[in-house]
Amino acid sequence: MMKTQRFSYTPMPGFIGGMPFVDIQLSHNERSISASALTDSGSALNILPFDVGLELGFIWEKQTFPLDLRGTLRDSQAYAVLVRTELAPFPSLDLGFAWVSRPVADIRILLGQVNFFQEFNISFYGHHQVFDITPRSR
């Protein structure tokens, strides 16, 4: 069983303190990219920006599972996609993402309630600028 891993917040220019970003590896078919994702307990879904999805080889016109988004993304088109995700040192797993019609310049990769927070227990310690991630027991 994997143990809890502690991560430091990432400093953000113009922002007091930092934000809980993690480095992840995203894969789909034969394509793979490294990215930084915001661990966001306020996001209902994992979010994948449009250009990141294209880089992974997804084809917008071939998507068949549309999503109805709310909040700040309510005016954006989105489709559900499954992405192999690795957050070292944990084993890789498939996460569902809302592939959104907005570029990474507008929206970050987000790890949200569905289904990142269903696969991991997250504890934030904002005062100390650290957070812990523990994989769920299987």
N, C-alpha and C. Protein backbone atom coordinates (compact mmCIF):
# COMPACT_ATOMS: atom_id res chain seq x y z
N MET A 1 0.84 -1.18 0.00
CA MET A 1 0.00 0.00 0.00
C MET A 1 0.88 1.25 0.00
N MET A 2 0.55 2.19 -0.87
CA MET A 2 1.31 3.45 -0.94
C MET A 2 0.96 4.32 0.25
N LYS A 3 1.95 5.01 0.73
CA LYS A 3 1.75 5.89 1.87
C LYS A 3 1.45 7.30 1.41
N THR A 4 1.09 8.10 2.36
CA THR A 4 0.82 9.51 2.12
C THR A 4 2.08 10.21 1.63
N GLN A 5 1.91 11.09 0.64
CA GLN A 5 3.01 11.91 0.15
C GLN A 5 2.67 13.37 0.41
N ARG A 6 3.65 14.12 0.84
CA ARG A 6 3.47 15.55 1.10
C ARG A 6 4.03 16.34 -0.08
N PHE A 7 3.29 17.36 -0.50
CA PHE A 7 3.67 18.23 -1.59
C PHE A 7 3.66 19.67 -1.09
N SER A 8 4.56 20.47 -1.59
CA SER A 8 4.60 21.89 -1.25
C SER A 8 3.75 22.69 -2.21
N TYR A 9 3.15 23.76 -1.71
CA TYR A 9 2.42 24.68 -2.59
C TYR A 9 3.42 25.30 -3.56
N THR A 10 2.93 25.66 -4.73
CA THR A 10 3.73 26.31 -5.75
C THR A 10 3.56 27.82 -5.63
N PRO A 11 4.66 28.56 -5.49
CA PRO A 11 4.53 30.03 -5.42
C PRO A 11 3.87 30.58 -6.68
N MET A 12 3.04 31.59 -6.51
CA MET A 12 2.34 32.21 -7.62
C MET A 12 2.62 33.71 -7.60
N PRO A 13 3.15 34.26 -8.68
CA PRO A 13 3.40 35.70 -8.73
C PRO A 13 2.10 36.49 -8.54
N GLY A 14 2.18 37.51 -7.73
CA GLY A 14 1.01 38.35 -7.48
C GLY A 14 -0.02 37.72 -6.56
N PHE A 15 0.34 36.58 -5.95
CA PHE A 15 -0.58 35.87 -5.07
C PHE A 15 0.12 35.62 -3.75
N ILE A 16 -0.50 36.01 -2.67
CA ILE A 16 0.12 35.77 -1.36
C ILE A 16 0.09 34.27 -1.09
N GLY A 17 1.23 33.72 -0.82
CA GLY A 17 1.32 32.28 -0.62
C GLY A 17 1.42 31.56 -1.94
N GLY A 18 0.97 30.35 -1.96
CA GLY A 18 1.05 29.55 -3.17
C GLY A 18 -0.25 28.81 -3.42
N MET A 19 -0.19 27.90 -4.37
CA MET A 19 -1.36 27.10 -4.73
C MET A 19 -0.94 25.63 -4.79
N PRO A 20 -1.89 24.72 -4.54
CA PRO A 20 -1.57 23.28 -4.51
C PRO A 20 -1.51 22.64 -5.90
N PHE A 21 -0.41 22.90 -6.60
CA PHE A 21 -0.17 22.30 -7.91
C PHE A 21 0.63 21.01 -7.74
N VAL A 22 0.36 20.04 -8.63
CA VAL A 22 1.15 18.81 -8.68
C VAL A 22 1.57 18.56 -10.12
N ASP A 23 2.71 17.94 -10.29
CA ASP A 23 3.17 17.54 -11.62
C ASP A 23 2.58 16.17 -11.93
N ILE A 24 1.96 16.07 -13.10
CA ILE A 24 1.33 14.82 -13.51
C ILE A 24 1.77 14.46 -14.93
N GLN A 25 1.59 13.21 -15.26
CA GLN A 25 1.82 12.71 -16.62
C GLN A 25 0.46 12.29 -17.15
N LEU A 26 0.06 12.83 -18.29
CA LEU A 26 -1.20 12.48 -18.92
C LEU A 26 -0.93 11.68 -20.18
N SER A 27 -1.68 10.59 -20.39
CA SER A 27 -1.47 9.73 -21.56
C SER A 27 -2.80 9.33 -22.17
N HIS A 28 -2.79 9.27 -23.50
CA HIS A 28 -3.94 8.77 -24.25
C HIS A 28 -3.39 8.12 -25.51
N ASN A 29 -3.77 6.86 -25.72
CA ASN A 29 -3.22 6.07 -26.82
C ASN A 29 -1.70 6.10 -26.75
N GLU A 30 -1.02 6.55 -27.77
CA GLU A 30 0.44 6.55 -27.77
C GLU A 30 1.05 7.89 -27.37
N ARG A 31 0.22 8.85 -27.02
CA ARG A 31 0.72 10.19 -26.69
C ARG A 31 0.75 10.41 -25.18
N SER A 32 1.76 11.16 -24.76
CA SER A 32 1.93 11.42 -23.34
C SER A 32 2.53 12.81 -23.15
N ILE A 33 2.05 13.53 -22.16
CA ILE A 33 2.61 14.85 -21.85
C ILE A 33 2.76 15.01 -20.35
N SER A 34 3.70 15.82 -19.96
CA SER A 34 3.86 16.22 -18.57
C SER A 34 3.19 17.56 -18.38
N ALA A 35 2.54 17.73 -17.25
CA ALA A 35 1.81 18.98 -17.01
C ALA A 35 1.75 19.26 -15.52
N SER A 36 1.38 20.47 -15.20
CA SER A 36 1.14 20.87 -13.83
C SER A 36 -0.35 21.06 -13.67
N ALA A 37 -0.93 20.47 -12.62
CA ALA A 37 -2.37 20.53 -12.41
C ALA A 37 -2.67 21.10 -11.03
N LEU A 38 -3.73 21.87 -10.96
CA LEU A 38 -4.17 22.44 -9.69
C LEU A 38 -5.09 21.45 -8.99
N THR A 39 -4.74 21.09 -7.77
CA THR A 39 -5.59 20.24 -6.94
C THR A 39 -6.67 21.14 -6.36
N ASP A 40 -7.89 21.00 -6.85
CA ASP A 40 -8.94 21.99 -6.59
C ASP A 40 -10.18 21.35 -5.97
N SER A 41 -10.28 21.42 -4.66
CA SER A 41 -11.43 20.82 -3.97
C SER A 41 -12.73 21.53 -4.31
N GLY A 42 -12.67 22.73 -4.88
CA GLY A 42 -13.87 23.46 -5.26
C GLY A 42 -14.36 23.15 -6.66
N SER A 43 -13.59 22.37 -7.41
CA SER A 43 -14.00 22.00 -8.76
C SER A 43 -14.78 20.69 -8.70
N ALA A 44 -15.97 20.69 -9.29
CA ALA A 44 -16.78 19.48 -9.29
C ALA A 44 -16.16 18.39 -10.15
N LEU A 45 -15.46 18.79 -11.22
CA LEU A 45 -14.91 17.84 -12.19
C LEU A 45 -13.43 18.07 -12.42
N ASN A 46 -12.75 17.03 -12.90
CA ASN A 46 -11.41 17.21 -13.46
C ASN A 46 -11.59 17.96 -14.77
N ILE A 47 -10.74 18.93 -15.03
CA ILE A 47 -10.87 19.77 -16.22
C ILE A 47 -9.63 19.64 -17.09
N LEU A 48 -9.85 19.42 -18.39
CA LEU A 48 -8.77 19.32 -19.37
C LEU A 48 -8.98 20.41 -20.42
N PRO A 49 -8.06 21.38 -20.49
CA PRO A 49 -8.19 22.44 -21.51
C PRO A 49 -8.15 21.87 -22.93
N PHE A 50 -8.75 22.60 -23.85
CA PHE A 50 -8.90 22.16 -25.23
C PHE A 50 -7.56 21.79 -25.88
N ASP A 51 -6.58 22.69 -25.82
CA ASP A 51 -5.32 22.42 -26.51
C ASP A 51 -4.55 21.26 -25.90
N VAL A 52 -4.71 21.01 -24.60
CA VAL A 52 -4.06 19.86 -23.97
C VAL A 52 -4.68 18.57 -24.50
N GLY A 53 -6.01 18.57 -24.65
CA GLY A 53 -6.68 17.40 -25.23
C GLY A 53 -6.23 17.11 -26.65
N LEU A 54 -6.07 18.18 -27.45
CA LEU A 54 -5.57 18.00 -28.82
C LEU A 54 -4.17 17.41 -28.81
N GLU A 55 -3.33 17.91 -27.90
CA GLU A 55 -1.96 17.40 -27.79
C GLU A 55 -1.93 15.91 -27.44
N LEU A 56 -2.94 15.47 -26.70
CA LEU A 56 -3.05 14.05 -26.34
C LEU A 56 -3.67 13.21 -27.45
N GLY A 57 -4.13 13.86 -28.53
CA GLY A 57 -4.65 13.14 -29.66
C GLY A 57 -6.17 13.01 -29.69
N PHE A 58 -6.88 13.64 -28.78
CA PHE A 58 -8.34 13.61 -28.84
C PHE A 58 -8.82 14.42 -30.04
N ILE A 59 -9.90 13.99 -30.64
CA ILE A 59 -10.49 14.68 -31.79
C ILE A 59 -11.86 15.19 -31.37
N TRP A 60 -12.00 16.50 -31.32
CA TRP A 60 -13.22 17.15 -30.83
C TRP A 60 -14.47 16.64 -31.55
N GLU A 61 -14.39 16.55 -32.87
CA GLU A 61 -15.56 16.17 -33.67
C GLU A 61 -15.98 14.71 -33.48
N LYS A 62 -15.13 13.91 -32.88
CA LYS A 62 -15.45 12.49 -32.68
C LYS A 62 -15.95 12.18 -31.27
N GLN A 63 -16.10 13.20 -30.44
CA GLN A 63 -16.55 12.97 -29.07
C GLN A 63 -18.05 12.73 -29.04
N THR A 64 -18.48 11.84 -28.16
CA THR A 64 -19.89 11.43 -28.14
C THR A 64 -20.57 11.59 -26.78
N PHE A 65 -19.86 12.08 -25.78
CA PHE A 65 -20.45 12.19 -24.44
C PHE A 65 -20.37 13.65 -23.98
N PRO A 66 -21.32 14.49 -24.42
CA PRO A 66 -21.29 15.91 -24.04
C PRO A 66 -21.61 16.10 -22.55
N LEU A 67 -21.04 17.15 -21.98
CA LEU A 67 -21.28 17.50 -20.57
C LEU A 67 -21.90 18.88 -20.49
N ASP A 68 -22.78 19.06 -19.53
CA ASP A 68 -23.40 20.35 -19.26
C ASP A 68 -22.68 20.95 -18.06
N LEU A 69 -21.83 21.95 -18.30
CA LEU A 69 -21.03 22.53 -17.23
C LEU A 69 -21.76 23.66 -16.53
N ARG A 70 -21.36 23.92 -15.31
CA ARG A 70 -21.92 25.00 -14.49
C ARG A 70 -20.79 25.93 -14.09
N GLY A 71 -21.10 26.92 -13.30
CA GLY A 71 -20.09 27.83 -12.75
C GLY A 71 -19.42 28.66 -13.82
N THR A 72 -18.14 28.90 -13.65
CA THR A 72 -17.40 29.77 -14.57
C THR A 72 -17.27 29.19 -15.98
N LEU A 73 -17.50 27.90 -16.13
CA LEU A 73 -17.40 27.25 -17.44
C LEU A 73 -18.76 26.99 -18.07
N ARG A 74 -19.82 27.58 -17.54
CA ARG A 74 -21.20 27.30 -18.00
C ARG A 74 -21.42 27.60 -19.48
N ASP A 75 -20.67 28.52 -20.06
CA ASP A 75 -20.84 28.85 -21.48
C ASP A 75 -19.87 28.09 -22.38
N SER A 76 -19.18 27.12 -21.83
CA SER A 76 -18.20 26.35 -22.59
C SER A 76 -18.77 24.99 -22.97
N GLN A 77 -18.44 24.54 -24.17
CA GLN A 77 -18.77 23.19 -24.58
C GLN A 77 -17.78 22.24 -23.94
N ALA A 78 -18.20 21.03 -23.61
CA ALA A 78 -17.29 20.05 -23.01
C ALA A 78 -17.75 18.63 -23.31
N TYR A 79 -16.78 17.73 -23.35
CA TYR A 79 -17.04 16.32 -23.52
C TYR A 79 -16.28 15.54 -22.45
N ALA A 80 -16.83 14.42 -22.04
CA ALA A 80 -16.15 13.54 -21.09
C ALA A 80 -15.11 12.71 -21.85
N VAL A 81 -13.89 12.68 -21.32
CA VAL A 81 -12.83 11.85 -21.88
C VAL A 81 -12.11 11.13 -20.74
N LEU A 82 -11.56 10.00 -21.05
CA LEU A 82 -10.80 9.20 -20.08
C LEU A 82 -9.32 9.35 -20.39
N VAL A 83 -8.54 9.74 -19.37
CA VAL A 83 -7.12 10.00 -19.56
C VAL A 83 -6.33 9.19 -18.53
N ARG A 84 -5.33 8.47 -19.01
CA ARG A 84 -4.42 7.76 -18.09
C ARG A 84 -3.59 8.83 -17.40
N THR A 85 -3.58 8.82 -16.08
CA THR A 85 -2.94 9.88 -15.31
C THR A 85 -1.98 9.27 -14.30
N GLU A 86 -0.78 9.83 -14.24
CA GLU A 86 0.19 9.38 -13.24
C GLU A 86 0.63 10.57 -12.40
N LEU A 87 0.50 10.39 -11.11
CA LEU A 87 0.98 11.34 -10.12
C LEU A 87 2.01 10.58 -9.30
N ALA A 88 3.28 10.79 -9.62
CA ALA A 88 4.35 10.05 -8.95
C ALA A 88 4.36 10.41 -7.46
N PRO A 89 4.59 9.47 -6.61
CA PRO A 89 5.07 8.10 -6.83
C PRO A 89 3.95 7.06 -6.90
N PHE A 90 2.70 7.49 -7.06
CA PHE A 90 1.58 6.56 -7.06
C PHE A 90 1.44 5.87 -8.42
N PRO A 91 0.83 4.69 -8.44
CA PRO A 91 0.59 4.01 -9.72
C PRO A 91 -0.37 4.83 -10.59
N SER A 92 -0.23 4.71 -11.89
CA SER A 92 -1.11 5.45 -12.80
C SER A 92 -2.53 4.86 -12.73
N LEU A 93 -3.50 5.70 -13.10
CA LEU A 93 -4.90 5.28 -13.11
C LEU A 93 -5.64 6.10 -14.15
N ASP A 94 -6.81 5.62 -14.53
CA ASP A 94 -7.64 6.35 -15.48
C ASP A 94 -8.51 7.35 -14.73
N LEU A 95 -8.46 8.60 -15.16
CA LEU A 95 -9.31 9.64 -14.58
C LEU A 95 -10.21 10.19 -15.67
N GLY A 96 -11.44 10.48 -15.30
CA GLY A 96 -12.37 11.13 -16.22
C GLY A 96 -12.17 12.63 -16.18
N PHE A 97 -12.10 13.25 -17.33
CA PHE A 97 -11.94 14.70 -17.43
C PHE A 97 -13.06 15.29 -18.26
N ALA A 98 -13.42 16.52 -17.94
CA ALA A 98 -14.26 17.32 -18.82
C ALA A 98 -13.30 18.04 -19.76
N TRP A 99 -13.30 17.63 -21.03
CA TRP A 99 -12.46 18.27 -22.04
C TRP A 99 -13.23 19.49 -22.51
N VAL A 100 -12.72 20.66 -22.18
CA VAL A 100 -13.44 21.92 -22.32
C VAL A 100 -12.95 22.69 -23.55
N SER A 101 -13.85 23.41 -24.19
CA SER A 101 -13.54 24.17 -25.41
C SER A 101 -12.80 25.48 -25.11
N ARG A 102 -12.01 25.50 -24.05
CA ARG A 102 -11.23 26.68 -23.69
C ARG A 102 -9.77 26.28 -23.60
N PRO A 103 -8.85 27.15 -24.07
CA PRO A 103 -7.42 26.81 -24.07
C PRO A 103 -6.80 26.93 -22.68
N VAL A 104 -5.61 26.35 -22.56
CA VAL A 104 -4.88 26.38 -21.30
C VAL A 104 -4.55 27.81 -20.88
N ALA A 105 -4.54 28.75 -21.81
CA ALA A 105 -4.31 30.15 -21.46
C ALA A 105 -5.49 30.71 -20.66
N ASP A 106 -6.68 30.10 -20.81
CA ASP A 106 -7.89 30.55 -20.11
C ASP A 106 -8.22 29.74 -18.87
N ILE A 107 -7.89 28.46 -18.89
CA ILE A 107 -8.26 27.56 -17.80
C ILE A 107 -7.14 26.55 -17.56
N ARG A 108 -6.86 26.30 -16.33
CA ARG A 108 -5.80 25.34 -15.98
C ARG A 108 -6.33 23.91 -16.00
N ILE A 109 -5.41 22.97 -16.01
CA ILE A 109 -5.79 21.58 -15.75
C ILE A 109 -6.17 21.53 -14.28
N LEU A 110 -7.37 21.03 -14.01
CA LEU A 110 -7.85 20.95 -12.63
C LEU A 110 -8.09 19.50 -12.25
N LEU A 111 -7.72 19.17 -11.03
CA LEU A 111 -8.03 17.87 -10.47
C LEU A 111 -9.12 18.11 -9.43
N GLY A 112 -10.35 17.67 -9.75
CA GLY A 112 -11.50 18.00 -8.93
C GLY A 112 -12.15 16.80 -8.26
N GLN A 113 -13.37 17.05 -7.77
CA GLN A 113 -14.10 16.04 -7.00
C GLN A 113 -14.35 14.76 -7.80
N VAL A 114 -14.77 14.90 -9.05
CA VAL A 114 -14.99 13.73 -9.91
C VAL A 114 -13.86 13.70 -10.92
N ASN A 115 -12.99 12.77 -10.90
CA ASN A 115 -12.96 11.72 -9.92
C ASN A 115 -11.62 11.64 -9.17
N PHE A 116 -10.85 12.74 -9.21
CA PHE A 116 -9.57 12.75 -8.49
C PHE A 116 -9.78 12.58 -6.99
N PHE A 117 -10.72 13.33 -6.43
CA PHE A 117 -10.95 13.26 -4.99
C PHE A 117 -11.66 11.96 -4.58
N GLN A 118 -12.14 11.20 -5.54
CA GLN A 118 -12.69 9.88 -5.25
C GLN A 118 -11.60 8.82 -5.22
N GLU A 119 -10.46 9.12 -5.83
CA GLU A 119 -9.34 8.18 -5.88
C GLU A 119 -8.27 8.48 -4.83
N PHE A 120 -8.25 9.71 -4.33
CA PHE A 120 -7.23 10.12 -3.35
C PHE A 120 -7.88 10.90 -2.22
N ASN A 121 -7.30 10.76 -1.04
CA ASN A 121 -7.65 11.62 0.09
C ASN A 121 -6.65 12.77 0.10
N ILE A 122 -7.16 13.98 0.19
CA ILE A 122 -6.32 15.17 0.13
C ILE A 122 -6.51 15.95 1.43
N SER A 123 -5.41 16.36 2.03
CA SER A 123 -5.44 17.22 3.22
C SER A 123 -4.61 18.45 2.93
N PHE A 124 -5.25 19.63 3.05
CA PHE A 124 -4.58 20.90 2.79
C PHE A 124 -4.16 21.54 4.11
N TYR A 125 -2.94 22.07 4.14
CA TYR A 125 -2.43 22.80 5.30
C TYR A 125 -1.93 24.15 4.78
N GLY A 126 -2.89 25.02 4.46
CA GLY A 126 -2.59 26.29 3.82
C GLY A 126 -1.62 27.16 4.61
N HIS A 127 -1.74 27.15 5.92
CA HIS A 127 -0.84 27.96 6.75
C HIS A 127 0.61 27.52 6.57
N HIS A 128 0.80 26.24 6.36
CA HIS A 128 2.16 25.69 6.18
C HIS A 128 2.55 25.57 4.71
N GLN A 129 1.60 25.88 3.80
CA GLN A 129 1.86 25.83 2.36
C GLN A 129 2.24 24.42 1.89
N VAL A 130 1.56 23.42 2.43
CA VAL A 130 1.78 22.03 2.03
C VAL A 130 0.40 21.33 1.95
N PHE A 131 0.38 20.21 1.24
CA PHE A 131 -0.81 19.36 1.22
C PHE A 131 -0.37 17.92 1.08
N ASP A 132 -1.18 17.03 1.64
CA ASP A 132 -0.89 15.59 1.60
C ASP A 132 -1.86 14.90 0.67
N ILE A 133 -1.33 13.91 -0.05
CA ILE A 133 -2.16 13.09 -0.91
C ILE A 133 -1.94 11.62 -0.52
N THR A 134 -3.06 10.93 -0.31
CA THR A 134 -3.02 9.52 0.04
C THR A 134 -3.95 8.77 -0.91
N PRO A 135 -3.45 7.73 -1.59
CA PRO A 135 -4.35 6.98 -2.47
C PRO A 135 -5.36 6.21 -1.64
N ARG A 136 -6.54 6.03 -2.22
CA ARG A 136 -7.56 5.27 -1.49
C ARG A 136 -7.12 3.82 -1.41
N SER A 137 -7.55 3.16 -0.36
CA SER A 137 -7.24 1.73 -0.18
C SER A 137 -8.09 0.90 -1.12
N ARG A 138 -7.50 -0.05 -1.75
CA ARG A 138 -8.24 -0.93 -2.67
C ARG A 138 -8.32 -2.31 -2.11
